[in-house]
Amino acid sequence: MANEIKNKPTQARAQGRSQGRSWKQDPETVKADILNAARAEFAAHGLSGARISAIVERTQTSKRMIFYYFGDKESLYLAVLDQAYREVREAEANLDIRHLPPDEALRKVVEFTFDHHRHNPDFIRLVMIENIHDGNHMSRIQTLATTNIAAIDQLDRICRRGIEAGLFREDVSPLVIHWQISAMSFFNVSNRATFSMNFGDDLFAEDAQLMLREQVVQSISSSVMRTDRV
């Protein structure tokens, strides 16, 4: 027992050295872990309420390591926002829809957005928080406009194909379509707590969510189809 007690400090130092080596060998994984923990903390408490110490506890890292990679809390918040938007845009870009007819491609985009938002409430909370700040922090992320325009470009390609195929109205707007998809998919998550409090949570059961998703698809589809093709 005495030997075990005596060896514990040595074992702890060895473990610390091992962890230090792994951080140096795989800094991208360390940064990813910090970003994931920070996303949860910022989504739960906002920029002002988030605590670096809580992020430290989630990652078992140190404040020094977080500041080494990201500078300060606000810079970390910006990195979290950037990552959150890049992830959704990359997932959209990876949808296998180029071979699909335009109406089916549009369906896939709507379904993806509805499902993504439903399964990523932290993303919705981050967007809500940034809206409270009037988008002031997003405006400092120079690459974000380019990142997000990809969503409009994808819808633009679908619309062009739909018009050429004689399926879509000639005046369809990719920007309007994106707004409509976002509005319905966003509300489903952003207002869940208050909606459930007022009207019950029946609409948030799995079968009801699938029903709502289909209704969102039908709503968007009917808004772009030519009247003689509806």
Protein backbone atom coordinates (compact mmCIF):
# COMPACT_ATOMS: atom_id res chain seq x y z
CA MET A 1 0.00 0.00 0.00
CA ALA A 2 2.84 2.39 0.88
CA ASN A 3 4.46 1.72 -2.50
CA GLU A 4 1.15 2.41 -4.27
CA ILE A 5 0.77 5.75 -2.49
CA LYS A 6 4.39 6.61 -3.19
CA ASN A 7 4.02 5.83 -6.88
CA LYS A 8 0.82 7.84 -7.47
CA PRO A 9 2.57 11.22 -8.02
CA THR A 10 4.97 9.55 -10.44
CA GLN A 11 2.07 7.91 -12.31
CA ALA A 12 0.20 11.22 -12.47
CA ARG A 13 3.26 13.00 -13.88
CA ALA A 14 3.72 10.23 -16.43
CA GLN A 15 0.08 10.45 -17.45
CA GLY A 16 0.39 14.22 -17.82
CA ARG A 17 3.49 13.84 -19.99
CA SER A 18 1.68 11.27 -22.11
CA GLN A 19 -1.29 13.57 -22.57
CA GLY A 20 1.04 16.44 -23.41
CA ARG A 21 2.76 14.40 -26.10
CA SER A 22 -0.59 13.37 -27.63
CA TRP A 23 -1.70 17.02 -27.82
CA LYS A 24 1.48 17.95 -29.65
CA GLN A 25 1.18 14.97 -31.97
CA ASP A 26 -2.50 15.58 -32.82
CA PRO A 27 -3.33 19.27 -32.38
CA GLU A 28 -6.28 19.12 -34.79
CA THR A 29 -8.04 16.57 -32.59
CA VAL A 30 -7.44 18.72 -29.53
CA LYS A 31 -8.85 21.78 -31.32
CA ALA A 32 -11.87 19.76 -32.48
CA ASP A 33 -12.53 18.58 -28.92
CA ILE A 34 -12.35 22.14 -27.63
CA LEU A 35 -14.69 23.38 -30.35
CA ASN A 36 -17.25 20.66 -29.62
CA ALA A 37 -17.21 21.41 -25.90
CA ALA A 38 -17.36 25.15 -26.56
CA ARG A 39 -20.33 24.73 -28.88
CA ALA A 40 -22.33 23.04 -26.13
CA GLU A 41 -21.32 25.69 -23.58
CA PHE A 42 -22.07 28.68 -25.83
CA ALA A 43 -25.37 27.15 -26.99
CA ALA A 44 -26.45 26.65 -23.40
CA HIS A 45 -25.29 29.96 -21.90
CA GLY A 46 -24.55 32.41 -24.71
CA LEU A 47 -21.33 34.33 -25.19
CA SER A 48 -21.52 36.32 -21.97
CA GLY A 49 -22.69 33.45 -19.79
CA ALA A 50 -20.31 30.79 -21.10
CA ARG A 51 -17.38 29.93 -18.85
CA ILE A 52 -13.99 28.84 -20.09
CA SER A 53 -13.64 26.78 -16.91
CA ALA A 54 -16.71 24.75 -17.94
CA ILE A 55 -15.14 24.10 -21.34
CA VAL A 56 -11.97 23.00 -19.57
CA GLU A 57 -13.99 20.50 -17.53
CA ARG A 58 -15.69 19.13 -20.65
CA THR A 59 -12.38 18.56 -22.45
CA GLN A 60 -10.04 17.82 -19.51
CA THR A 61 -7.66 20.32 -21.02
CA SER A 62 -6.44 23.65 -19.63
CA LYS A 63 -7.29 27.32 -20.06
CA ARG A 64 -3.76 27.84 -21.31
CA MET A 65 -4.31 25.30 -24.08
CA ILE A 66 -7.65 26.87 -25.10
CA PHE A 67 -6.14 30.36 -25.21
CA TYR A 68 -3.11 29.02 -27.07
CA TYR A 69 -5.32 27.74 -29.90
CA PHE A 70 -8.07 30.38 -29.95
CA GLY A 71 -6.77 33.52 -28.28
CA ASP A 72 -9.71 34.51 -26.07
CA LYS A 73 -13.34 33.62 -25.35
CA GLU A 74 -14.79 35.79 -28.10
CA SER A 75 -12.42 34.36 -30.69
CA LEU A 76 -13.41 30.88 -29.57
CA TYR A 77 -17.07 31.84 -30.00
CA LEU A 78 -16.33 33.03 -33.54
CA ALA A 79 -14.58 29.75 -34.30
CA VAL A 80 -17.59 27.82 -33.00
CA LEU A 81 -19.97 29.81 -35.22
CA ASP A 82 -17.73 29.31 -38.23
CA GLN A 83 -17.50 25.58 -37.62
CA ALA A 84 -21.26 25.20 -37.11
CA TYR A 85 -22.10 26.86 -40.41
CA ARG A 86 -19.34 25.08 -42.33
CA GLU A 87 -20.57 21.71 -41.10
CA VAL A 88 -24.12 22.22 -42.32
CA ARG A 89 -22.97 23.62 -45.68
CA GLU A 90 -20.53 20.76 -46.21
CA ALA A 91 -23.27 18.25 -45.45
CA GLU A 92 -25.57 20.01 -47.93
CA ALA A 93 -22.86 19.95 -50.57
CA ASN A 94 -22.39 16.21 -50.05
CA LEU A 95 -26.04 15.41 -50.75
CA ASP A 96 -26.21 12.99 -53.68
CA ILE A 97 -28.79 14.90 -55.71
CA ARG A 98 -27.22 15.84 -59.05
CA HIS A 99 -28.63 12.74 -60.75
CA LEU A 100 -32.14 13.34 -59.38
CA PRO A 101 -34.96 15.16 -61.20
CA PRO A 102 -35.15 18.75 -59.90
CA ASP A 103 -38.33 18.22 -57.89
CA GLU A 104 -36.79 15.21 -56.15
CA ALA A 105 -33.54 17.10 -55.58
CA LEU A 106 -35.49 19.90 -53.92
CA ARG A 107 -37.27 17.36 -51.73
CA LYS A 108 -33.91 16.01 -50.55
CA VAL A 109 -32.68 19.50 -49.62
CA VAL A 110 -35.84 20.24 -47.64
CA GLU A 111 -35.72 16.90 -45.85
CA PHE A 112 -32.04 17.37 -45.06
CA THR A 113 -32.56 20.84 -43.59
CA PHE A 114 -35.54 19.79 -41.49
CA ASP A 115 -33.69 16.76 -40.15
CA HIS A 116 -30.42 18.58 -39.59
CA HIS A 117 -32.05 21.30 -37.53
CA ARG A 118 -34.14 18.80 -35.57
CA HIS A 119 -31.08 16.75 -34.63
CA ASN A 120 -28.76 19.70 -33.97
CA PRO A 121 -30.52 21.98 -31.48
CA ASP A 122 -27.18 23.51 -30.45
CA PHE A 123 -26.85 24.93 -33.97
CA ILE A 124 -30.28 26.53 -33.68
CA ARG A 125 -29.46 27.99 -30.27
CA LEU A 126 -26.22 29.47 -31.59
CA VAL A 127 -28.09 31.13 -34.45
CA MET A 128 -30.70 32.47 -32.02
CA ILE A 129 -27.97 33.87 -29.77
CA GLU A 130 -26.24 35.54 -32.70
CA ASN A 131 -29.53 37.11 -33.76
CA ILE A 132 -29.83 38.57 -30.27
CA HIS A 133 -26.46 40.19 -30.96
CA ASP A 134 -27.74 41.47 -34.35
CA GLY A 135 -25.22 39.29 -36.16
CA ASN A 136 -22.35 41.48 -34.94
CA HIS A 137 -19.99 38.59 -34.35
CA MET A 138 -20.85 36.79 -37.59
CA SER A 139 -19.92 39.93 -39.51
CA ARG A 140 -16.35 39.47 -38.29
CA ILE A 141 -16.01 36.00 -39.84
CA GLN A 142 -14.68 36.89 -43.26
CA THR A 143 -15.24 33.46 -44.82
CA LEU A 144 -18.82 33.02 -43.64
CA ALA A 145 -20.50 34.80 -46.54
CA THR A 146 -18.72 32.51 -49.00
CA THR A 147 -19.56 29.49 -46.87
CA ASN A 148 -23.26 30.24 -46.75
CA ILE A 149 -23.72 31.33 -50.36
CA ALA A 150 -23.17 27.67 -51.25
CA ALA A 151 -26.70 26.93 -50.02
CA ILE A 152 -28.15 29.47 -52.48
CA ASP A 153 -25.95 28.19 -55.30
CA GLN A 154 -27.22 24.66 -54.76
CA LEU A 155 -30.84 25.79 -54.87
CA ASP A 156 -30.08 27.94 -57.92
CA ARG A 157 -28.86 24.88 -59.83
CA ILE A 158 -31.99 22.97 -58.84
CA CYS A 159 -34.23 25.87 -59.90
CA ARG A 160 -32.51 26.23 -63.26
CA ARG A 161 -32.97 22.55 -63.96
CA GLY A 162 -36.59 22.72 -62.83
CA ILE A 163 -37.32 25.64 -65.14
CA GLU A 164 -35.58 23.96 -68.07
CA ALA A 165 -37.60 20.80 -67.45
CA GLY A 166 -40.83 22.81 -67.47
CA LEU A 167 -41.59 21.87 -63.87
CA PHE A 168 -40.85 25.09 -61.98
CA ARG A 169 -42.19 28.59 -62.46
CA GLU A 170 -39.81 30.87 -64.29
CA ASP A 171 -39.85 33.41 -61.46
CA VAL A 172 -38.75 31.05 -58.68
CA SER A 173 -36.14 32.56 -56.37
CA PRO A 174 -33.47 30.36 -54.74
CA LEU A 175 -33.12 32.95 -51.97
CA VAL A 176 -36.85 32.92 -51.21
CA ILE A 177 -36.89 29.12 -51.24
CA HIS A 178 -33.97 29.02 -48.80
CA TRP A 179 -35.78 31.50 -46.53
CA GLN A 180 -38.93 29.39 -46.56
CA ILE A 181 -37.10 26.12 -45.87
CA SER A 182 -35.10 27.73 -43.06
CA ALA A 183 -38.13 29.41 -41.51
CA MET A 184 -40.18 26.24 -41.15
CA SER A 185 -37.28 24.01 -40.15
CA PHE A 186 -35.93 26.57 -37.67
CA PHE A 187 -39.22 27.25 -35.89
CA ASN A 188 -39.65 23.52 -35.31
CA VAL A 189 -36.64 23.66 -32.97
CA SER A 190 -36.36 27.24 -31.80
CA ASN A 191 -39.91 27.43 -30.44
CA ARG A 192 -40.32 23.87 -29.26
CA ALA A 193 -40.23 24.72 -25.56
CA THR A 194 -42.87 27.46 -25.68
CA PHE A 195 -45.02 25.65 -28.24
CA SER A 196 -45.02 22.51 -26.08
CA MET A 197 -45.82 24.55 -22.99
CA ASN A 198 -48.82 26.13 -24.69
CA PHE A 199 -50.16 23.26 -26.78
CA GLY A 200 -48.54 20.04 -25.59
CA ASP A 201 -45.70 18.12 -27.21
CA ASP A 202 -47.67 15.80 -29.52
CA LEU A 203 -46.11 17.37 -32.61
CA PHE A 204 -42.64 16.47 -31.40
CA ALA A 205 -43.18 12.71 -31.32
CA GLU A 206 -41.27 10.90 -34.06
CA ASP A 207 -44.27 10.10 -36.24
CA ALA A 208 -45.56 13.67 -35.94
CA GLN A 209 -42.16 15.06 -36.88
CA LEU A 210 -42.08 12.93 -40.02
CA MET A 211 -45.56 14.18 -40.85
CA LEU A 212 -44.48 17.79 -40.38
CA ARG A 213 -41.39 17.23 -42.51
CA GLU A 214 -43.54 15.90 -45.34
CA GLN A 215 -45.85 18.90 -45.05
CA VAL A 216 -42.87 21.25 -45.26
CA VAL A 217 -41.72 19.39 -48.39
CA GLN A 218 -45.17 19.70 -49.95
CA SER A 219 -45.42 23.38 -49.04
CA ILE A 220 -42.07 24.24 -50.63
CA SER A 221 -42.70 22.06 -53.67
CA SER A 222 -46.12 23.55 -54.37
CA SER A 223 -44.67 27.06 -54.10
CA VAL A 224 -42.25 26.48 -56.99
CA MET A 225 -44.21 24.21 -59.32
CA ARG A 226 -45.97 25.60 -62.35
CA THR A 227 -49.72 25.76 -61.74
CA ASP A 228 -50.39 23.42 -64.65
CA ARG A 229 -48.03 20.82 -63.10
CA VAL A 230 -49.34 20.86 -59.54
